[in-house]
Amino acid sequence: MSANAPAAAPVVAATPVAAPTPAPSAHRRALITWLAVYPVITLVLGLLGPRIATLPLLLRTLILTGIVVPVAAYVLVPALTKAHARLSTRERHP
């Protein structure tokens, strides 16, 4: 074999790729968002409501949304979306 011969490409076994789960409909996304936001708002208001009741409305809203939006956007909505995808896959493939 010559020193200038090109190296053989490594052999890679093809693995089957599952079809991506379609995105939920707008109605289901709205439901998922509501299921994430409502309990967090209720919890935050229950815990902080009396403590922040004397603050101006805009400041109370800023505090509430500063807690609710990150929790919903980064934790709950992704978790609920994954759960929805698993349930949808289970429904299509019994």
Foldseek 3Di string as FASTA:
>chain_A
DDPPDDDDDDDDDDDDDDDDQDQDDPVVLVVQLCVQQVVLLVVCCVVCVVVCVPPDPVVVVCVSCVPRVCCSVPPRSVVSRVVVSVVVVVVVPD
